C-alpha atoms as a PDB file:
ATOM      1  CA  MET A   1      15.665  85.367 -59.403  1.00  0.00           C
ATOM      2  CA  PRO A   2      13.599  82.663 -61.083  1.00  0.00           C
ATOM      3  CA  SER A   3      14.175  78.945 -60.887  1.00  0.00           C
ATOM      4  CA  PHE A   4      14.315  76.825 -64.040  1.00  0.00           C
ATOM      5  CA  LEU A   5      12.705  73.590 -65.200  1.00  0.00           C
ATOM      6  CA  GLU A   6      13.801  71.379 -68.083  1.00  0.00           C
ATOM      7  CA  THR A   7      10.767  69.991 -69.914  1.00  0.00           C
ATOM      8  CA  PRO A   8      10.595  66.607 -71.677  1.00  0.00           C
ATOM      9  CA  ALA A   9      10.739  68.542 -74.967  1.00  0.00           C
ATOM     10  CA  GLY A  10      14.130  69.994 -73.990  1.00  0.00           C
ATOM     11  CA  ARG A  11      12.897  73.518 -73.323  1.00  0.00           C
ATOM     12  CA  THR A  12      13.973  75.469 -70.228  1.00  0.00           C
ATOM     13  CA  LEU A  13      11.165  77.257 -68.393  1.00  0.00           C
ATOM     14  CA  ALA A  14      11.693  80.066 -65.904  1.00  0.00           C
ATOM     15  CA  PHE A  15       9.325  79.995 -62.932  1.00  0.00           C
ATOM     16  CA  HIS A  16       8.546  81.431 -59.523  1.00  0.00           C
ATOM     17  CA  GLN A  17       6.954  79.165 -56.966  1.00  0.00           C
ATOM     18  CA  THR A  18       5.709  79.641 -53.418  1.00  0.00           C
ATOM     19  CA  ALA A  19       4.995  76.701 -51.140  1.00  0.00           C
ATOM     20  CA  GLY A  20       1.726  76.581 -49.265  1.00  0.00           C
ATOM     21  CA  ASP A  21      -1.508  74.770 -48.665  1.00  0.00           C
ATOM     22  CA  GLY A  22      -3.692  73.242 -51.358  1.00  0.00           C
ATOM     23  CA  PRO A  23      -5.398  73.587 -53.606  1.00  0.00           C
ATOM     24  CA  GLY A  24      -2.624  75.596 -55.186  1.00  0.00           C
ATOM     25  CA  VAL A  25      -3.020  78.295 -57.815  1.00  0.00           C
ATOM     26  CA  VAL A  26      -1.278  78.326 -61.200  1.00  0.00           C
ATOM     27  CA  PHE A  27      -1.204  81.488 -63.302  1.00  0.00           C
ATOM     28  CA  LEU A  28      -1.141  81.033 -67.073  1.00  0.00           C
ATOM     29  CA  GLY A  29      -0.157  84.177 -68.938  1.00  0.00           C
ATOM     30  CA  GLY A  30      -1.149  85.576 -72.294  1.00  0.00           C
ATOM     31  CA  PHE A  31       0.277  85.756 -75.797  1.00  0.00           C
ATOM     32  CA  LYS A  32       3.762  87.306 -75.676  1.00  0.00           C
ATOM     33  CA  SER A  33       3.332  88.261 -72.010  1.00  0.00           C
ATOM     34  CA  ASP A  34       5.382  86.983 -69.089  1.00  0.00           C
ATOM     35  CA  MET A  35       5.176  86.079 -65.430  1.00  0.00           C
ATOM     36  CA  ALA A  36       6.275  89.582 -64.362  1.00  0.00           C
ATOM     37  CA  GLY A  37       2.985  91.125 -65.509  1.00  0.00           C
ATOM     38  CA  THR A  38       0.672  93.047 -63.186  1.00  0.00           C
ATOM     39  CA  LYS A  39      -1.931  90.303 -62.742  1.00  0.00           C
ATOM     40  CA  ALA A  40       0.627  87.529 -62.217  1.00  0.00           C
ATOM     41  CA  VAL A  41       2.605  89.416 -59.577  1.00  0.00           C
ATOM     42  CA  HIS A  42      -0.519  90.725 -57.825  1.00  0.00           C
ATOM     43  CA  LEU A  43      -2.035  87.263 -57.670  1.00  0.00           C
ATOM     44  CA  ASP A  44       1.224  85.783 -56.400  1.00  0.00           C
ATOM     45  CA  ARG A  45       1.249  88.196 -53.453  1.00  0.00           C
ATOM     46  CA  TRP A  46      -2.446  87.730 -52.720  1.00  0.00           C
ATOM     47  CA  VAL A  47      -2.401  83.918 -52.863  1.00  0.00           C
ATOM     48  CA  THR A  48       0.819  83.731 -50.844  1.00  0.00           C
ATOM     49  CA  ALA A  49      -0.702  85.950 -48.150  1.00  0.00           C
ATOM     50  CA  ARG A  50      -3.496  83.373 -47.859  1.00  0.00           C
ATOM     51  CA  GLY A  51      -0.900  80.693 -47.165  1.00  0.00           C
ATOM     52  CA  GLN A  52      -1.621  78.743 -50.351  1.00  0.00           C
ATOM     53  CA  ALA A  53       0.756  77.386 -52.964  1.00  0.00           C
ATOM     54  CA  PHE A  54       1.315  79.452 -56.101  1.00  0.00           C
ATOM     55  CA  LEU A  55       3.110  78.932 -59.411  1.00  0.00           C
ATOM     56  CA  ARG A  56       3.764  81.328 -62.287  1.00  0.00           C
ATOM     57  CA  PHE A  57       6.094  80.647 -65.201  1.00  0.00           C
ATOM     58  CA  ASP A  58       7.118  81.799 -68.656  1.00  0.00           C
ATOM     59  CA  TYR A  59       6.218  79.692 -71.669  1.00  0.00           C
ATOM     60  CA  SER A  60       9.093  78.942 -74.030  1.00  0.00           C
ATOM     61  CA  GLY A  61       9.869  81.981 -76.160  1.00  0.00           C
ATOM     62  CA  HIS A  62       8.431  84.229 -73.444  1.00  0.00           C
ATOM     63  CA  GLY A  63      10.117  86.163 -70.657  1.00  0.00           C
ATOM     64  CA  GLN A  64      13.172  84.410 -69.244  1.00  0.00           C
ATOM     65  CA  SER A  65      12.476  80.966 -70.701  1.00  0.00           C
ATOM     66  CA  SER A  66      14.443  79.451 -73.569  1.00  0.00           C
ATOM     67  CA  GLY A  67      13.539  79.694 -77.232  1.00  0.00           C
ATOM     68  CA  ALA A  68      12.331  82.344 -79.666  1.00  0.00           C
ATOM     69  CA  PHE A  69       8.748  83.555 -79.560  1.00  0.00           C
ATOM     70  CA  GLU A  70       8.339  83.229 -83.326  1.00  0.00           C
ATOM     71  CA  ASP A  71       9.225  79.535 -83.179  1.00  0.00           C
ATOM     72  CA  GLY A  72       6.406  78.721 -80.751  1.00  0.00           C
ATOM     73  CA  ALA A  73       2.776  77.752 -81.127  1.00  0.00           C
ATOM     74  CA  ILE A  74      -0.229  76.952 -78.946  1.00  0.00           C
ATOM     75  CA  GLY A  75       0.612  73.255 -78.757  1.00  0.00           C
ATOM     76  CA  ASP A  76       4.147  74.055 -77.619  1.00  0.00           C
ATOM     77  CA  TRP A  77       2.944  76.359 -74.870  1.00  0.00           C
ATOM     78  CA  ALA A  78       0.386  73.826 -73.671  1.00  0.00           C
ATOM     79  CA  ALA A  79       3.211  71.270 -73.725  1.00  0.00           C
ATOM     80  CA  ASP A  80       5.141  73.650 -71.445  1.00  0.00           C
ATOM     81  CA  ALA A  81       2.269  74.100 -69.011  1.00  0.00           C
ATOM     82  CA  ILE A  82       1.412  70.430 -68.613  1.00  0.00           C
ATOM     83  CA  PRO A  83       4.860  69.193 -67.436  1.00  0.00           C
ATOM     84  CA  ALA A  84       5.308  72.337 -65.322  1.00  0.00           C
ATOM     85  CA  ILE A  85       2.115  71.530 -63.444  1.00  0.00           C
ATOM     86  CA  ARG A  86       3.035  67.861 -63.189  1.00  0.00           C
ATOM     87  CA  ALA A  87       6.562  68.542 -61.924  1.00  0.00           C
ATOM     88  CA  LEU A  88       6.114  71.636 -59.783  1.00  0.00           C
ATOM     89  CA  THR A  89       2.726  71.224 -58.121  1.00  0.00           C
ATOM     90  CA  THR A  90       1.078  68.636 -55.905  1.00  0.00           C
ATOM     91  CA  GLY A  91      -2.569  67.709 -56.024  1.00  0.00           C
ATOM     92  CA  PRO A  92      -5.418  69.618 -57.658  1.00  0.00           C
ATOM     93  CA  GLN A  93      -4.756  73.190 -58.786  1.00  0.00           C
ATOM     94  CA  VAL A  94      -6.893  76.205 -59.583  1.00  0.00           C
ATOM     95  CA  LEU A  95      -5.871  77.467 -63.022  1.00  0.00           C
ATOM     96  CA  VAL A  96      -6.027  81.223 -63.621  1.00  0.00           C
ATOM     97  CA  GLY A  97      -5.716  81.883 -67.338  1.00  0.00           C
ATOM     98  CA  SER A  98      -5.315  85.370 -68.782  1.00  0.00           C
ATOM     99  CA  SER A  99      -6.159  85.860 -72.471  1.00  0.00           C
ATOM    100  CA  MET A 100      -4.267  83.078 -74.307  1.00  0.00           C
ATOM    101  CA  GLY A 101      -3.705  81.544 -70.878  1.00  0.00           C
ATOM    102  CA  GLY A 102      -7.424  80.822 -70.808  1.00  0.00           C
ATOM    103  CA  TRP A 103      -6.976  78.662 -73.908  1.00  0.00           C
ATOM    104  CA  ILE A 104      -3.934  76.958 -72.384  1.00  0.00           C
ATOM    105  CA  ALA A 105      -5.955  76.295 -69.205  1.00  0.00           C
ATOM    106  CA  CYS A 106      -8.649  74.572 -71.273  1.00  0.00           C
ATOM    107  CA  LEU A 107      -5.994  72.364 -72.883  1.00  0.00           C
ATOM    108  CA  VAL A 108      -4.513  71.549 -69.473  1.00  0.00           C
ATOM    109  CA  ALA A 109      -7.975  70.676 -68.151  1.00  0.00           C
ATOM    110  CA  ARG A 110      -8.494  68.368 -71.108  1.00  0.00           C
ATOM    111  CA  ALA A 111      -5.107  66.664 -70.589  1.00  0.00           C
ATOM    112  CA  LEU A 112      -5.018  66.576 -66.767  1.00  0.00           C
ATOM    113  CA  PRO A 113      -8.633  66.664 -65.530  1.00  0.00           C
ATOM    114  CA  GLU A 114      -7.688  65.064 -62.224  1.00  0.00           C
ATOM    115  CA  ARG A 115      -5.242  67.899 -61.478  1.00  0.00           C
ATOM    116  CA  VAL A 116      -7.668  70.768 -62.113  1.00  0.00           C
ATOM    117  CA  ALA A 117      -9.702  71.872 -59.092  1.00  0.00           C
ATOM    118  CA  GLY A 118     -11.191  74.913 -60.822  1.00  0.00           C
ATOM    119  CA  PHE A 119     -10.666  77.540 -63.477  1.00  0.00           C
ATOM    120  CA  VAL A 120     -10.703  81.343 -63.527  1.00  0.00           C
ATOM    121  CA  GLY A 121     -10.583  82.879 -66.999  1.00  0.00           C
ATOM    122  CA  ILE A 122      -9.622  86.540 -67.372  1.00  0.00           C
ATOM    123  CA  ALA A 123     -10.505  87.833 -70.850  1.00  0.00           C
ATOM    124  CA  ALA A 124      -9.964  84.229 -71.923  1.00  0.00           C
ATOM    125  CA  ALA A 125      -9.151  83.861 -75.619  1.00  0.00           C
ATOM    126  CA  PRO A 126      -9.607  80.234 -76.692  1.00  0.00           C
ATOM    127  CA  ASP A 127      -9.189  79.470 -80.403  1.00  0.00           C
ATOM    128  CA  PHE A 128      -8.057  83.042 -81.170  1.00  0.00           C
ATOM    129  CA  THR A 129      -5.561  82.022 -83.862  1.00  0.00           C
ATOM    130  CA  GLU A 130      -8.420  80.668 -85.966  1.00  0.00           C
ATOM    131  CA  ASP A 131     -11.471  82.707 -84.950  1.00  0.00           C
ATOM    132  CA  SER A 132      -9.786  86.101 -84.552  1.00  0.00           C
ATOM    133  CA  MET A 133      -6.495  86.113 -86.449  1.00  0.00           C
ATOM    134  CA  TRP A 134      -7.163  83.892 -89.476  1.00  0.00           C
ATOM    135  CA  ALA A 135     -10.800  84.949 -89.714  1.00  0.00           C
ATOM    136  CA  GLY A 136      -9.719  88.598 -89.630  1.00  0.00           C
ATOM    137  CA  PHE A 137      -6.966  88.382 -92.227  1.00  0.00           C
ATOM    138  CA  ASP A 138      -7.645  89.890 -95.624  1.00  0.00           C
ATOM    139  CA  ALA A 139      -6.671  88.153 -98.869  1.00  0.00           C
ATOM    140  CA  THR A 140      -3.258  89.840 -98.972  1.00  0.00           C
ATOM    141  CA  GLN A 141      -2.401  88.781 -95.417  1.00  0.00           C
ATOM    142  CA  ARG A 142      -3.536  85.208 -96.027  1.00  0.00           C
ATOM    143  CA  ALA A 143      -1.456  85.027 -99.185  1.00  0.00           C
ATOM    144  CA  ALA A 144       1.597  86.398 -97.345  1.00  0.00           C
ATOM    145  CA  LEU A 145       1.136  83.850 -94.594  1.00  0.00           C
ATOM    146  CA  VAL A 146       0.979  80.998 -97.090  1.00  0.00           C
ATOM    147  CA  ASP A 147       3.778  82.251 -99.343  1.00  0.00           C
ATOM    148  CA  SER A 148       6.306  83.625 -96.861  1.00  0.00           C
ATOM    149  CA  GLY A 149       5.151  81.826 -93.727  1.00  0.00           C
ATOM    150  CA  ARG A 150       4.590  84.984 -91.707  1.00  0.00           C
ATOM    151  CA  VAL A 151       2.618  88.194 -91.412  1.00  0.00           C
ATOM    152  CA  VAL A 152       3.274  91.157 -89.096  1.00  0.00           C
ATOM    153  CA  LEU A 153       0.444  92.654 -87.049  1.00  0.00           C
ATOM    154  CA  PRO A 154       0.573  95.897 -85.041  1.00  0.00           C
ATOM    155  CA  SER A 155       0.301  95.657 -81.270  1.00  0.00           C
ATOM    156  CA  GLU A 156      -0.856  98.104 -78.608  1.00  0.00           C
ATOM    157  CA  TYR A 157       1.452  96.391 -76.120  1.00  0.00           C
ATOM    158  CA  GLY A 158       4.884  96.949 -77.691  1.00  0.00           C
ATOM    159  CA  GLU A 159       6.630  95.496 -80.720  1.00  0.00           C
ATOM    160  CA  PRO A 160       4.477  94.203 -83.600  1.00  0.00           C
ATOM    161  CA  TYR A 161       3.378  90.584 -83.496  1.00  0.00           C
ATOM    162  CA  VAL A 162       4.973  88.250 -86.022  1.00  0.00           C
ATOM    163  CA  ILE A 163       2.300  85.677 -86.800  1.00  0.00           C
ATOM    164  CA  THR A 164       3.637  82.519 -88.414  1.00  0.00           C
ATOM    165  CA  ARG A 165       1.931  79.973 -90.599  1.00  0.00           C
ATOM    166  CA  ARG A 166       2.906  77.340 -88.047  1.00  0.00           C
ATOM    167  CA  LEU A 167       1.092  79.260 -85.292  1.00  0.00           C
ATOM    168  CA  ILE A 168      -2.103  79.266 -87.350  1.00  0.00           C
ATOM    169  CA  GLU A 169      -1.823  75.656 -88.514  1.00  0.00           C
ATOM    170  CA  ASP A 170      -0.910  74.345 -85.064  1.00  0.00           C
ATOM    171  CA  GLY A 171      -3.776  76.349 -83.550  1.00  0.00           C
ATOM    172  CA  ARG A 172      -6.215  74.389 -85.702  1.00  0.00           C
ATOM    173  CA  THR A 173      -5.114  71.195 -83.954  1.00  0.00           C
ATOM    174  CA  GLN A 174      -5.700  72.706 -80.490  1.00  0.00           C
ATOM    175  CA  LEU A 175      -9.216  74.167 -80.832  1.00  0.00           C
ATOM    176  CA  VAL A 176     -11.437  73.801 -77.755  1.00  0.00           C
ATOM    177  CA  LEU A 177     -14.664  75.585 -78.737  1.00  0.00           C
ATOM    178  CA  ARG A 178     -15.838  72.970 -81.228  1.00  0.00           C
ATOM    179  CA  ASP A 179     -16.856  70.371 -78.630  1.00  0.00           C
ATOM    180  CA  PRO A 180     -18.048  70.468 -75.004  1.00  0.00           C
ATOM    181  CA  LEU A 181     -15.344  71.218 -72.441  1.00  0.00           C
ATOM    182  CA  PRO A 182     -15.847  69.066 -69.329  1.00  0.00           C
ATOM    183  CA  MET A 183     -14.818  70.844 -66.110  1.00  0.00           C
ATOM    184  CA  ALA A 184     -15.885  69.243 -62.856  1.00  0.00           C
ATOM    185  CA  GLY A 185     -14.687  72.093 -60.625  1.00  0.00           C
ATOM    186  CA  PRO A 186     -16.058  75.628 -60.275  1.00  0.00           C
ATOM    187  CA  VAL A 187     -15.421  78.051 -63.148  1.00  0.00           C
ATOM    188  CA  ARG A 188     -15.461  81.843 -63.050  1.00  0.00           C
ATOM    189  CA  LEU A 189     -15.020  83.855 -66.252  1.00  0.00           C
ATOM    190  CA  LEU A 190     -14.232  87.589 -66.101  1.00  0.00           C
ATOM    191  CA  GLN A 191     -14.644  89.761 -69.177  1.00  0.00           C
ATOM    192  CA  GLY A 192     -14.404  93.514 -69.743  1.00  0.00           C
ATOM    193  CA  THR A 193     -16.996  95.161 -71.959  1.00  0.00           C
ATOM    194  CA  ALA A 194     -14.386  97.577 -73.381  1.00  0.00           C
ATOM    195  CA  ASP A 195     -12.017  94.770 -74.411  1.00  0.00           C
ATOM    196  CA  THR A 196     -11.066  95.399 -78.051  1.00  0.00           C
ATOM    197  CA  ASP A 197      -8.938  92.230 -78.307  1.00  0.00           C
ATOM    198  CA  VAL A 198     -11.440  89.663 -77.036  1.00  0.00           C
ATOM    199  CA  ASP A 199     -15.099  90.350 -77.717  1.00  0.00           C
ATOM    200  CA  VAL A 200     -17.774  89.626 -75.130  1.00  0.00           C
ATOM    201  CA  SER A 201     -19.161  87.063 -77.579  1.00  0.00           C
ATOM    202  CA  VAL A 202     -16.049  84.922 -76.988  1.00  0.00           C
ATOM    203  CA  ALA A 203     -16.754  84.833 -73.252  1.00  0.00           C
ATOM    204  CA  LEU A 204     -20.364  83.851 -73.929  1.00  0.00           C
ATOM    205  CA  ARG A 205     -19.244  81.128 -76.304  1.00  0.00           C
ATOM    206  CA  LEU A 206     -16.804  79.769 -73.725  1.00  0.00           C
ATOM    207  CA  LEU A 207     -19.528  79.887 -71.070  1.00  0.00           C
ATOM    208  CA  ASN A 208     -21.788  77.807 -73.304  1.00  0.00           C
ATOM    209  CA  HIS A 209     -19.084  75.275 -74.195  1.00  0.00           C
ATOM    210  CA  ILE A 210     -17.877  74.508 -70.669  1.00  0.00           C
ATOM    211  CA  ASP A 211     -19.726  71.480 -69.352  1.00  0.00           C
ATOM    212  CA  GLY A 212     -19.701  71.777 -65.569  1.00  0.00           C
ATOM    213  CA  PRO A 213     -21.961  72.149 -62.527  1.00  0.00           C
ATOM    214  CA  ASP A 214     -20.866  75.662 -61.517  1.00  0.00           C
ATOM    215  CA  VAL A 215     -19.897  77.970 -64.383  1.00  0.00           C
ATOM    216  CA  ARG A 216     -20.416  81.743 -64.120  1.00  0.00           C
ATOM    217  CA  LEU A 217     -19.510  84.743 -66.255  1.00  0.00           C
ATOM    218  CA  THR A 218     -19.018  88.245 -64.844  1.00  0.00           C
ATOM    219  CA  LEU A 219     -18.971  91.232 -67.207  1.00  0.00           C
ATOM    220  CA  VAL A 220     -17.077  94.287 -65.946  1.00  0.00           C
ATOM    221  CA  LYS A 221     -18.282  97.467 -67.569  1.00  0.00           C
ATOM    222  CA  ASP A 222     -15.585  99.575 -69.278  1.00  0.00           C
ATOM    223  CA  ALA A 223     -12.763  97.157 -68.380  1.00  0.00           C
ATOM    224  CA  ASP A 224     -10.235  96.674 -71.192  1.00  0.00           C
ATOM    225  CA  HIS A 225      -8.168  93.648 -72.189  1.00  0.00           C
ATOM    226  CA  ARG A 226      -5.405  94.340 -69.686  1.00  0.00           C
ATOM    227  CA  PHE A 227      -7.922  93.876 -66.843  1.00  0.00           C
ATOM    228  CA  SER A 228      -5.351  95.366 -64.470  1.00  0.00           C
ATOM    229  CA  SER A 229      -7.071  98.337 -62.830  1.00  0.00           C
ATOM    230  CA  PRO A 230      -7.531  98.187 -59.044  1.00  0.00           C
ATOM    231  CA  ALA A 231     -11.197  97.284 -59.519  1.00  0.00           C
ATOM    232  CA  CYS A 232     -10.304  94.531 -61.989  1.00  0.00           C
ATOM    233  CA  LEU A 233      -7.643  93.092 -59.695  1.00  0.00           C
ATOM    234  CA  THR A 234     -10.205  93.025 -56.886  1.00  0.00           C
ATOM    235  CA  ALA A 235     -12.638  91.209 -59.177  1.00  0.00           C
ATOM    236  CA  MET A 236      -9.888  88.689 -59.919  1.00  0.00           C
ATOM    237  CA  GLU A 237      -9.265  88.154 -56.212  1.00  0.00           C
ATOM    238  CA  THR A 238     -12.977  87.617 -55.587  1.00  0.00           C
ATOM    239  CA  ALA A 239     -13.269  85.074 -58.390  1.00  0.00           C
ATOM    240  CA  VAL A 240     -10.191  83.133 -57.295  1.00  0.00           C
ATOM    241  CA  ALA A 241     -11.362  83.164 -53.668  1.00  0.00           C
ATOM    242  CA  GLU A 242     -14.748  81.745 -54.675  1.00  0.00           C
ATOM    243  CA  VAL A 243     -13.154  78.964 -56.701  1.00  0.00           C
ATOM    244  CA  LEU A 244     -10.650  78.139 -53.940  1.00  0.00           C
ATOM    245  CA  GLU A 245     -13.367  77.946 -51.293  1.00  0.00           C
ATOM    246  CA  GLN A 246     -15.561  75.690 -53.421  1.00  0.00           C
ATOM    247  CA  ALA A 247     -12.592  73.614 -54.572  1.00  0.00           C
ATOM    248  CA  ARG A 248     -11.728  72.735 -50.981  1.00  0.00           C
END
């Protein structure tokens, strides 16, 4: 069973936490995903076996946390992550961000630089509401978004996505790929070449925007956006291990 945290914004976040040595590891999930996903659970077991602290949680409107998904936006989910890290972890943390979680990790690093020991991005998708969604909408979809405040997009992962005007407009206030992104700790970015949701060009753009002394991108041939095959999970372990060792 999860534990629960009340945030300053009045939202209730479900989380699982394991005590251990530092630096700890925090997993930040993707858009409409939850902390029970393959990567989150696998990483929890792997980090815990190393004797290090680990935290995974559901953003508001996701999983077992309070709120409705359609009411949320990037700024809300970053505002969930920041107090969760402040309240539930001690000292510098290695952030592991999957898809949208990579964007959230960048926002956390910008808000709490002293608490970020390193960053591992897995098919990281910064600025996707603007550069993928809005940029990809046709005239009819843009008009529907403006007029009715929502548009429905198909999803390979379950129910269709309801994209709200607030999500798009809020996303424009949270963009991270327009200016350099300072990150003092080691950074490892993992990207599959068969990812149809996040193009390799996004990973290259993120690589170029991060301003840090040790930033590396690994391309995994034929890996898709889920990045959950045994080989991909091993690649994740390797990246996190490298960042943890250097972050010490």
